[in-house]
Amino acid sequence: MAQIVDRRLNGKNKSAVNRQKFIRRFRQQIKKAVADAIAERSVTDLDKGEKISIPNKDTSEPFFHHGQGGHRERIHPGNKEFHKGDKIPRPDGGAGQGQGNEASDSGEGLDEFMFELTREEFLQFFFEDLELPNLVKTKLAAINETSKVRAGHTSDGIPTNINVIRSLRGAMGRRIALRAPYKNRIRELEAELEDLLKRHNESDAVIMALREQIAQLNKKIERIPFIDTFDLRYDNKIDRPKPTTQAVMFCIMDVSGSMGRDEKDMAKRFFMLLYMFLTRTYEKIQVVFISHHTLATEVDEETFFYSRETGGTVVSSALKLTAEIIQERYPSSEWNIYAAQASDGDNWHNDSKICRKIMTEQIMPYVQYYAYIEITEDRHQNLWQEYLHIKDNWANFAMRRIERIADIYPVFRKLFQKQEKQ
């Protein structure tokens, strides 16, 4: 069986093979550490690598050893202090795990194992098993997706793509072609030998010379290899564009005065996760940013994440703008439309019923999925109560609550977790 050894140099004297083995073995511990790291990051640091720690008990290997207690006699090589028969007091057992807050005069242990994830590894764990729900094929679009298809054979490739039948067929043809001259010459010499045997004995020099010549030709035929690297043929695979989807995501964020600094920071963290997920997973997906207080405005990425604008709260202004943009630029027959809204739920009371009407008539019939996130530590606000009616009537509507920074990651994964195929 062929074995391939990757001898490419690894950066900073690291073994890429061993690194991948380690990641596969401690996958669950690394995923938990990544989830814990999210709550401690700022908006601008979300796409960096991470130094994580894995408990020592999870990295230890099972082994056989002498347990505590019992009676043993042992003299270690190089011992100059003790002699046979000397009695040594047994050391006191201690916690010794290096994790206590108080000093101790006994015990020993090991610190947790530290492991540094690269940016790509961190994001891979971060967005694992996530997708846009209900994504359907509506039109051949700008998102570049390809599939591998067979396209004949080639003389270069990797061992897994070897075409055994074509390779053996080529080897057989090569052997036939290389053997032909020798076999023709052997037939001529055998005919000559048969004629000479009528007049000469077996021990005659001419007879022995002919037999030696025939034997040499047979050895040459035997030395022709059964298969050679020249014979190998590999399945050739090329990228063929396949029909895919085009999608747009509306990011709607409340920047009104009722959204305090902490609430806005959590909303921005959530949308930063969403934006990174979209741009990493779907190369050319379009994202529309809408921020609102009493008035709603379509803004660019920089303004959306770093603007300090504030004011009163009229959520319907953002929903009206969203509906208008959908009608003008994103017909549902050609686009998969998604929306994510973050707010503290505090809205001008009379406006919440208007929001419900706009959502029911102008937005929900056209979107594939709509996610609403309420950011508050208090009881649910009036907008949440109105949206409950939408949730009861629309299967593509989801709503979750975020109370603290630690809730962002699990809520995000819950909203965009990959659905099982029916």
Protein backbone atom coordinates (compact mmCIF):
# COMPACT_ATOMS: atom_id res chain seq x y z
CA MET A 1 0.00 0.00 0.00
CA ALA A 2 1.36 3.41 -0.95
CA GLN A 3 2.16 5.84 1.86
CA ILE A 4 2.47 9.58 1.35
CA VAL A 5 4.70 11.55 3.69
CA ASP A 6 4.10 15.29 3.81
CA ARG A 7 7.56 16.82 4.12
CA ARG A 8 6.55 20.43 3.67
CA LEU A 9 8.03 22.72 6.27
CA ASN A 10 5.80 23.74 9.14
CA GLY A 11 5.90 27.25 10.55
CA LYS A 12 7.64 27.82 13.87
CA ASN A 13 8.79 24.19 14.08
CA LYS A 14 5.24 22.92 14.53
CA SER A 15 4.05 19.58 13.22
CA ALA A 16 0.85 20.12 11.24
CA VAL A 17 0.02 16.40 11.35
CA ASN A 18 0.38 16.13 15.12
CA ARG A 19 -1.52 19.39 15.56
CA GLN A 20 -4.51 18.08 13.62
CA LYS A 21 -4.44 14.82 15.61
CA PHE A 22 -4.47 16.80 18.84
CA ILE A 23 -7.40 18.95 17.65
CA ARG A 24 -9.41 15.89 16.63
CA ARG A 25 -8.75 14.14 19.95
CA PHE A 26 -9.68 17.09 22.18
CA ARG A 27 -12.41 18.50 19.95
CA GLN A 28 -15.05 18.76 22.67
CA GLN A 29 -12.72 20.46 25.15
CA ILE A 30 -11.58 22.95 22.49
CA LYS A 31 -15.17 23.76 21.48
CA LYS A 32 -16.07 24.46 25.10
CA ALA A 33 -13.00 26.68 25.52
CA VAL A 34 -13.90 28.60 22.35
CA ALA A 35 -17.43 29.15 23.63
CA ASP A 36 -16.08 30.42 26.97
CA ALA A 37 -13.68 32.79 25.21
CA ILE A 38 -16.43 34.63 23.32
CA ALA A 39 -17.85 36.32 26.41
CA GLU A 40 -14.50 37.92 27.19
CA ARG A 41 -13.85 39.46 23.77
CA SER A 42 -14.56 42.92 22.45
CA VAL A 43 -16.28 43.52 19.11
CA THR A 44 -12.98 44.20 17.34
CA ASP A 45 -11.24 41.07 18.68
CA LEU A 46 -13.75 38.43 17.61
CA ASP A 47 -11.78 37.22 14.57
CA LYS A 48 -8.43 36.63 16.29
CA GLY A 49 -6.86 33.40 17.49
CA GLU A 50 -7.16 32.23 21.06
CA LYS A 51 -4.94 30.65 23.71
CA ILE A 52 -7.08 28.09 25.47
CA SER A 53 -6.46 25.80 28.41
CA ILE A 54 -7.39 22.14 28.67
CA PRO A 55 -7.62 20.47 32.10
CA ASN A 56 -4.69 18.21 32.85
CA LYS A 57 -7.01 15.28 33.61
CA ASP A 58 -8.26 15.37 30.01
CA THR A 59 -4.77 15.17 28.47
CA SER A 60 -3.35 12.47 30.73
CA GLU A 61 -2.66 9.02 29.28
CA PRO A 62 -3.80 5.86 31.10
CA PHE A 63 -0.89 3.83 32.49
CA PHE A 64 -0.15 1.09 35.01
CA HIS A 65 1.68 2.13 38.14
CA HIS A 66 2.01 1.32 41.83
CA GLY A 67 -0.78 2.88 43.83
CA GLN A 68 -0.57 4.39 47.30
CA GLY A 69 0.02 1.91 50.14
CA GLY A 70 1.42 -1.59 50.08
CA HIS A 71 4.90 -2.89 50.87
CA ARG A 72 7.70 -2.55 48.31
CA GLU A 73 11.42 -3.17 48.23
CA ARG A 74 13.35 -1.19 45.64
CA ILE A 75 16.83 0.30 45.30
CA HIS A 76 17.16 2.75 42.43
CA PRO A 77 20.31 2.74 40.26
CA GLY A 78 22.84 5.35 41.36
CA ASN A 79 21.51 5.46 44.93
CA LYS A 80 24.21 6.51 47.39
CA GLU A 81 22.08 7.44 50.38
CA PHE A 82 20.08 4.35 51.29
CA HIS A 83 20.96 0.69 51.70
CA LYS A 84 18.94 -2.47 51.64
CA GLY A 85 16.87 -2.75 54.80
CA ASP A 86 16.61 0.99 55.44
CA LYS A 87 13.06 2.17 56.17
CA ILE A 88 11.89 5.38 54.49
CA PRO A 89 8.87 7.27 55.83
CA ARG A 90 6.03 7.47 53.34
CA PRO A 91 5.36 11.06 52.09
CA ASP A 92 2.08 12.62 53.11
CA GLY A 93 -0.56 12.79 50.38
CA GLY A 94 -1.80 16.25 49.40
CA ALA A 95 -4.16 17.88 46.95
CA GLY A 96 -1.23 19.41 45.10
CA GLN A 97 -3.12 20.32 41.94
CA GLY A 98 -1.77 23.84 41.74
CA GLN A 99 -5.24 25.41 41.68
CA GLY A 100 -5.89 26.33 45.32
CA ASN A 101 -5.92 29.84 46.70
CA GLU A 102 -3.99 28.99 49.88
CA ALA A 103 -0.38 27.92 50.24
CA SER A 104 0.52 24.34 51.21
CA ASP A 105 3.74 22.65 52.30
CA SER A 106 2.95 19.36 50.57
CA GLY A 107 1.57 17.83 47.39
CA GLU A 108 2.38 18.26 43.72
CA GLY A 109 0.56 18.45 40.40
CA LEU A 110 0.46 19.96 36.91
CA ASP A 111 -1.04 23.16 35.57
CA GLU A 112 -3.68 23.00 32.86
CA PHE A 113 -2.38 22.40 29.34
CA MET A 114 -2.22 25.59 27.25
CA PHE A 115 -2.92 25.37 23.52
CA GLU A 116 -3.02 28.24 21.05
CA LEU A 117 -5.54 28.19 18.20
CA THR A 118 -4.82 30.07 15.01
CA ARG A 119 -7.38 32.50 13.60
CA GLU A 120 -8.60 29.97 11.04
CA GLU A 121 -8.87 27.17 13.61
CA PHE A 122 -10.71 29.44 16.03
CA LEU A 123 -13.26 30.52 13.41
CA GLN A 124 -13.68 26.95 12.21
CA PHE A 125 -14.74 25.83 15.68
CA PHE A 126 -16.72 29.01 16.18
CA PHE A 127 -18.98 28.60 13.13
CA GLU A 128 -19.08 24.82 13.01
CA ASP A 129 -22.48 23.29 12.18
CA LEU A 130 -24.11 26.66 11.38
CA GLU A 131 -26.08 27.68 8.30
CA LEU A 132 -28.79 30.00 7.07
CA PRO A 133 -32.09 28.15 7.65
CA ASN A 134 -34.43 27.34 4.77
CA LEU A 135 -31.93 28.29 2.06
CA VAL A 136 -33.42 27.23 -1.28
CA LYS A 137 -32.18 27.33 -4.86
CA THR A 138 -33.93 30.18 -6.62
CA LYS A 139 -31.54 31.35 -9.32
CA LEU A 140 -28.04 30.86 -10.67
CA ALA A 141 -26.30 33.69 -8.85
CA ALA A 142 -22.99 35.33 -8.12
CA ILE A 143 -22.05 33.02 -5.26
CA ASN A 144 -19.24 30.88 -6.66
CA GLU A 145 -20.02 27.25 -5.87
CA THR A 146 -18.62 24.34 -7.83
CA SER A 147 -18.77 20.58 -7.73
CA LYS A 148 -16.11 18.07 -8.74
CA VAL A 149 -17.00 16.04 -11.86
CA ARG A 150 -15.12 13.33 -13.76
CA ALA A 151 -13.33 14.54 -16.89
CA GLY A 152 -11.28 11.72 -18.38
CA HIS A 153 -7.90 10.60 -17.11
CA THR A 154 -4.49 12.11 -16.52
CA SER A 155 -0.98 10.81 -15.94
CA ASP A 156 -0.54 12.91 -12.78
CA GLY A 157 -2.55 12.80 -9.58
CA ILE A 158 -2.80 11.56 -6.03
CA PRO A 159 -2.91 7.87 -5.02
CA THR A 160 -6.57 8.00 -4.00
CA ASN A 161 -7.53 8.91 -7.59
CA ILE A 162 -5.70 6.01 -9.29
CA ASN A 163 -7.86 4.26 -11.88
CA VAL A 164 -6.82 0.63 -11.47
CA ILE A 165 -8.41 -0.70 -14.67
CA ARG A 166 -6.91 1.97 -16.92
CA SER A 167 -3.52 1.61 -15.24
CA LEU A 168 -3.47 -2.19 -15.69
CA ARG A 169 -4.67 -1.86 -19.28
CA GLY A 170 -1.79 0.50 -20.01
CA ALA A 171 0.69 -1.80 -18.27
CA MET A 172 -0.48 -4.76 -20.33
CA GLY A 173 -0.07 -2.82 -23.57
CA ARG A 174 3.43 -1.72 -22.58
CA ARG A 175 4.47 -5.28 -21.72
CA ILE A 176 3.12 -6.61 -25.03
CA ALA A 177 4.96 -3.91 -26.96
CA LEU A 178 8.28 -4.44 -25.13
CA ARG A 179 8.12 -8.24 -25.33
CA ALA A 180 7.29 -8.41 -29.06
CA PRO A 181 10.85 -7.91 -30.45
CA TYR A 182 12.32 -10.46 -28.02
CA LYS A 183 9.61 -13.04 -28.74
CA ASN A 184 10.05 -12.63 -32.51
CA ARG A 185 13.81 -13.14 -32.14
CA ILE A 186 13.23 -16.18 -29.90
CA ARG A 187 10.97 -17.76 -32.54
CA GLU A 188 13.68 -17.25 -35.18
CA LEU A 189 16.37 -18.77 -32.96
CA GLU A 190 14.15 -21.74 -32.03
CA ALA A 191 13.53 -22.45 -35.74
CA GLU A 192 17.27 -22.25 -36.44
CA LEU A 193 17.98 -24.50 -33.43
CA GLU A 194 15.50 -27.10 -34.62
CA ASP A 195 17.20 -27.19 -38.02
CA LEU A 196 20.70 -27.49 -36.52
CA LEU A 197 19.70 -30.33 -34.19
CA LYS A 198 19.14 -32.47 -37.28
CA ARG A 199 22.90 -32.26 -38.04
CA HIS A 200 24.55 -31.58 -34.67
CA ASN A 201 24.59 -33.02 -31.17
CA GLU A 202 23.43 -31.22 -28.04
CA SER A 203 26.98 -30.82 -26.83
CA ASP A 204 28.14 -28.98 -29.93
CA ALA A 205 29.21 -25.38 -29.39
CA VAL A 206 26.82 -23.90 -31.92
CA ILE A 207 23.84 -25.61 -30.25
CA MET A 208 24.89 -24.46 -26.79
CA ALA A 209 25.42 -20.89 -28.05
CA LEU A 210 21.90 -20.76 -29.50
CA ARG A 211 20.37 -22.10 -26.30
CA GLU A 212 22.29 -19.52 -24.24
CA GLN A 213 21.09 -16.76 -26.52
CA ILE A 214 17.46 -17.89 -26.16
CA ALA A 215 17.84 -18.02 -22.35
CA GLN A 216 19.21 -14.46 -22.28
CA LEU A 217 16.23 -13.21 -24.30
CA ASN A 218 13.79 -14.94 -21.91
CA LYS A 219 15.51 -13.28 -18.94
CA LYS A 220 15.08 -9.91 -20.62
CA ILE A 221 11.37 -10.62 -21.00
CA GLU A 222 11.11 -11.56 -17.32
CA ARG A 223 12.83 -8.32 -16.28
CA ILE A 224 10.10 -6.20 -17.86
CA PRO A 225 8.17 -4.82 -14.83
CA PHE A 226 4.55 -5.83 -14.39
CA ILE A 227 3.56 -2.19 -13.84
CA ASP A 228 5.55 1.04 -14.03
CA THR A 229 4.92 4.61 -12.95
CA PHE A 230 4.55 5.41 -16.63
CA ASP A 231 1.46 3.15 -16.71
CA LEU A 232 -0.42 4.86 -13.89
CA ARG A 233 -3.57 6.73 -14.83
CA TYR A 234 -5.59 8.93 -12.49
CA ASP A 235 -9.21 10.02 -12.59
CA ASN A 236 -9.25 13.63 -13.67
CA LYS A 237 -11.74 15.82 -11.83
CA ILE A 238 -12.59 19.41 -12.70
CA ASP A 239 -14.70 22.09 -11.06
CA ARG A 240 -18.08 22.60 -12.68
CA PRO A 241 -20.27 25.54 -11.61
CA LYS A 242 -23.50 24.34 -10.06
CA PRO A 243 -26.80 26.17 -9.55
CA THR A 244 -26.81 27.84 -6.18
CA THR A 245 -28.54 30.60 -4.34
CA GLN A 246 -28.31 34.30 -3.82
CA ALA A 247 -29.17 35.67 -0.44
CA VAL A 248 -29.41 38.95 1.43
CA MET A 249 -29.34 39.52 5.17
CA PHE A 250 -30.98 42.55 6.81
CA CYS A 251 -29.30 43.54 10.09
CA ILE A 252 -31.66 45.79 12.07
CA MET A 253 -30.34 47.35 15.28
CA ASP A 254 -32.04 49.62 17.80
CA VAL A 255 -29.74 52.54 18.72
CA SER A 256 -32.30 54.53 20.70
CA GLY A 257 -31.72 56.06 24.12
CA SER A 258 -33.37 53.13 25.92
CA MET A 259 -30.53 50.92 24.65
CA GLY A 260 -27.78 51.57 27.17
CA ARG A 261 -24.09 51.15 26.54
CA ASP A 262 -24.09 47.51 27.63
CA GLU A 263 -27.15 46.65 25.52
CA LYS A 264 -25.63 48.26 22.42
CA ASP A 265 -22.36 46.44 23.02
CA MET A 266 -24.17 43.08 23.21
CA ALA A 267 -26.18 43.89 20.07
CA LYS A 268 -22.99 44.79 18.21
CA ARG A 269 -21.30 41.60 19.39
CA PHE A 270 -24.22 39.58 18.08
CA PHE A 271 -24.21 41.31 14.69
CA MET A 272 -20.43 41.03 14.47
CA LEU A 273 -20.80 37.26 14.89
CA LEU A 274 -23.50 37.21 12.26
CA TYR A 275 -21.49 39.33 9.84
CA MET A 276 -18.37 37.17 10.26
CA PHE A 277 -20.44 34.01 9.83
CA LEU A 278 -22.02 35.28 6.60
CA THR A 279 -18.85 36.62 5.00
CA ARG A 280 -16.89 33.50 5.91
CA THR A 281 -19.48 30.92 4.87
CA TYR A 282 -21.20 32.64 1.93
CA GLU A 283 -18.58 34.44 -0.14
CA LYS A 284 -20.71 37.03 -1.96
CA ILE A 285 -23.84 37.30 0.14
CA GLN A 286 -25.24 40.82 0.44
CA VAL A 287 -25.76 42.43 3.83
CA VAL A 288 -28.02 45.44 4.44
CA PHE A 289 -27.41 47.38 7.66
CA ILE A 290 -30.28 49.37 9.17
CA SER A 291 -30.02 51.33 12.41
CA HIS A 292 -32.96 53.17 13.93
CA HIS A 293 -34.25 55.32 16.78
CA THR A 294 -37.27 57.41 15.83
CA LEU A 295 -36.02 57.35 12.24
CA ALA A 296 -34.49 54.42 10.36
CA THR A 297 -31.48 54.74 8.06
CA GLU A 298 -29.64 52.33 5.81
CA VAL A 299 -25.98 52.68 6.76
CA ASP A 300 -22.62 51.16 5.87
CA GLU A 301 -20.73 48.64 7.97
CA GLU A 302 -18.51 51.23 9.67
CA THR A 303 -21.44 53.40 10.75
CA PHE A 304 -23.48 50.41 11.88
CA PHE A 305 -20.86 49.09 14.29
CA TYR A 306 -19.24 52.30 15.51
CA SER A 307 -21.85 55.07 15.31
CA ARG A 308 -22.85 56.72 18.63
CA GLU A 309 -26.19 58.02 17.41
CA THR A 310 -29.17 57.89 19.81
CA GLY A 311 -32.74 59.16 20.21
CA GLY A 312 -36.30 58.01 20.84
CA THR A 313 -37.74 54.64 19.84
CA VAL A 314 -40.04 53.94 16.88
CA VAL A 315 -39.33 50.40 15.71
CA SER A 316 -41.85 50.54 12.87
CA SER A 317 -39.60 53.00 11.01
CA ALA A 318 -36.98 50.26 10.58
CA LEU A 319 -39.53 47.67 9.50
CA LYS A 320 -41.05 50.04 6.94
CA LEU A 321 -37.60 50.73 5.48
CA THR A 322 -36.86 46.99 5.36
CA ALA A 323 -40.11 46.28 3.51
CA GLU A 324 -39.40 49.08 1.01
CA ILE A 325 -35.89 47.81 0.26
CA ILE A 326 -37.19 44.26 -0.25
CA GLN A 327 -39.81 45.45 -2.74
CA GLU A 328 -37.38 47.68 -4.63
CA ARG A 329 -34.18 45.59 -4.76
CA TYR A 330 -34.76 42.03 -3.65
CA PRO A 331 -37.74 40.26 -5.27
CA SER A 332 -38.46 37.05 -3.37
CA SER A 333 -38.64 35.06 -6.62
CA GLU A 334 -34.91 35.61 -7.09
CA TRP A 335 -33.53 36.12 -3.58
CA ASN A 336 -33.38 34.28 -0.29
CA ILE A 337 -34.17 37.05 2.19
CA TYR A 338 -33.12 36.92 5.84
CA ALA A 339 -33.40 39.41 8.67
CA ALA A 340 -32.03 39.70 12.20
CA GLN A 341 -33.32 42.35 14.59
CA ALA A 342 -31.81 43.33 17.94
CA SER A 343 -33.58 45.60 20.41
CA ASP A 344 -34.29 45.99 24.11
CA GLY A 345 -37.98 45.64 23.22
CA ASP A 346 -38.83 49.06 24.66
CA ASN A 347 -40.97 50.72 22.01
CA TRP A 348 -43.51 53.52 21.87
CA HIS A 349 -46.57 51.60 23.00
CA ASN A 350 -48.87 52.43 20.08
CA ASP A 351 -46.10 51.58 17.63
CA SER A 352 -45.77 47.91 18.62
CA LYS A 353 -49.13 47.02 17.06
CA ILE A 354 -48.02 48.77 13.86
CA CYS A 355 -44.86 46.65 13.91
CA ARG A 356 -46.92 43.49 14.13
CA LYS A 357 -49.03 44.58 11.15
CA ILE A 358 -45.99 45.44 9.00
CA MET A 359 -44.28 42.18 9.89
CA THR A 360 -47.35 40.09 9.10
CA GLU A 361 -48.27 41.76 5.81
CA GLN A 362 -45.05 43.14 4.31
CA ILE A 363 -42.10 41.16 5.63
CA MET A 364 -42.85 37.61 6.81
CA PRO A 365 -44.43 36.44 3.51
CA TYR A 366 -41.19 37.30 1.69
CA VAL A 367 -38.40 36.19 4.03
CA GLN A 368 -36.89 32.75 4.49
CA TYR A 369 -36.09 33.38 8.13
CA TYR A 370 -36.47 36.22 10.63
CA ALA A 371 -34.65 36.26 13.98
CA TYR A 372 -35.54 38.68 16.77
CA ILE A 373 -33.23 39.15 19.76
CA GLU A 374 -34.41 41.02 22.84
CA ILE A 375 -31.58 42.36 24.99
CA THR A 376 -32.85 43.00 28.51
CA GLU A 377 -32.45 41.73 32.06
CA ASP A 378 -35.95 42.85 33.07
CA ARG A 379 -39.30 41.41 32.11
CA HIS A 380 -40.24 41.21 28.42
CA GLN A 381 -41.25 44.49 26.81
CA ASN A 382 -44.35 45.27 24.74
CA LEU A 383 -42.64 44.51 21.41
CA TRP A 384 -41.95 40.95 22.62
CA GLN A 385 -45.64 40.46 23.40
CA GLU A 386 -46.65 41.51 19.89
CA TYR A 387 -43.98 39.34 18.29
CA LEU A 388 -45.31 36.31 20.18
CA HIS A 389 -48.35 36.41 17.89
CA ILE A 390 -46.05 36.36 14.85
CA LYS A 391 -44.15 33.37 16.24
CA ASP A 392 -47.40 31.43 16.66
CA ASN A 393 -48.38 31.99 13.02
CA TRP A 394 -45.06 31.86 11.15
CA ALA A 395 -42.71 28.87 11.36
CA ASN A 396 -39.84 30.88 9.88
CA PHE A 397 -39.83 33.36 12.78
CA ALA A 398 -37.59 32.84 15.81
CA MET A 399 -37.09 34.95 18.92
CA ARG A 400 -34.58 34.67 21.75
CA ARG A 401 -33.59 36.70 24.79
CA ILE A 402 -30.07 37.82 25.73
CA GLU A 403 -29.57 38.92 29.32
CA ARG A 404 -25.77 38.97 29.56
CA ILE A 405 -22.72 38.71 27.33
CA ALA A 406 -22.34 34.99 28.05
CA ASP A 407 -25.74 34.38 26.38
CA ILE A 408 -24.65 35.70 22.98
CA TYR A 409 -22.81 32.63 21.73
CA PRO A 410 -25.42 29.97 22.70
CA VAL A 411 -28.27 32.15 21.40
CA PHE A 412 -26.46 32.74 18.12
CA ARG A 413 -25.80 29.01 17.64
CA LYS A 414 -29.41 28.20 18.53
CA LEU A 415 -30.75 30.60 15.91
CA PHE A 416 -28.47 29.45 13.11
CA GLN A 417 -27.75 25.81 13.88
CA LYS A 418 -27.72 23.45 10.92
CA GLN A 419 -31.06 21.73 10.41
CA GLU A 420 -31.36 18.03 9.74
CA LYS A 421 -32.25 17.22 6.15
CA GLN A 422 -35.72 15.85 5.75
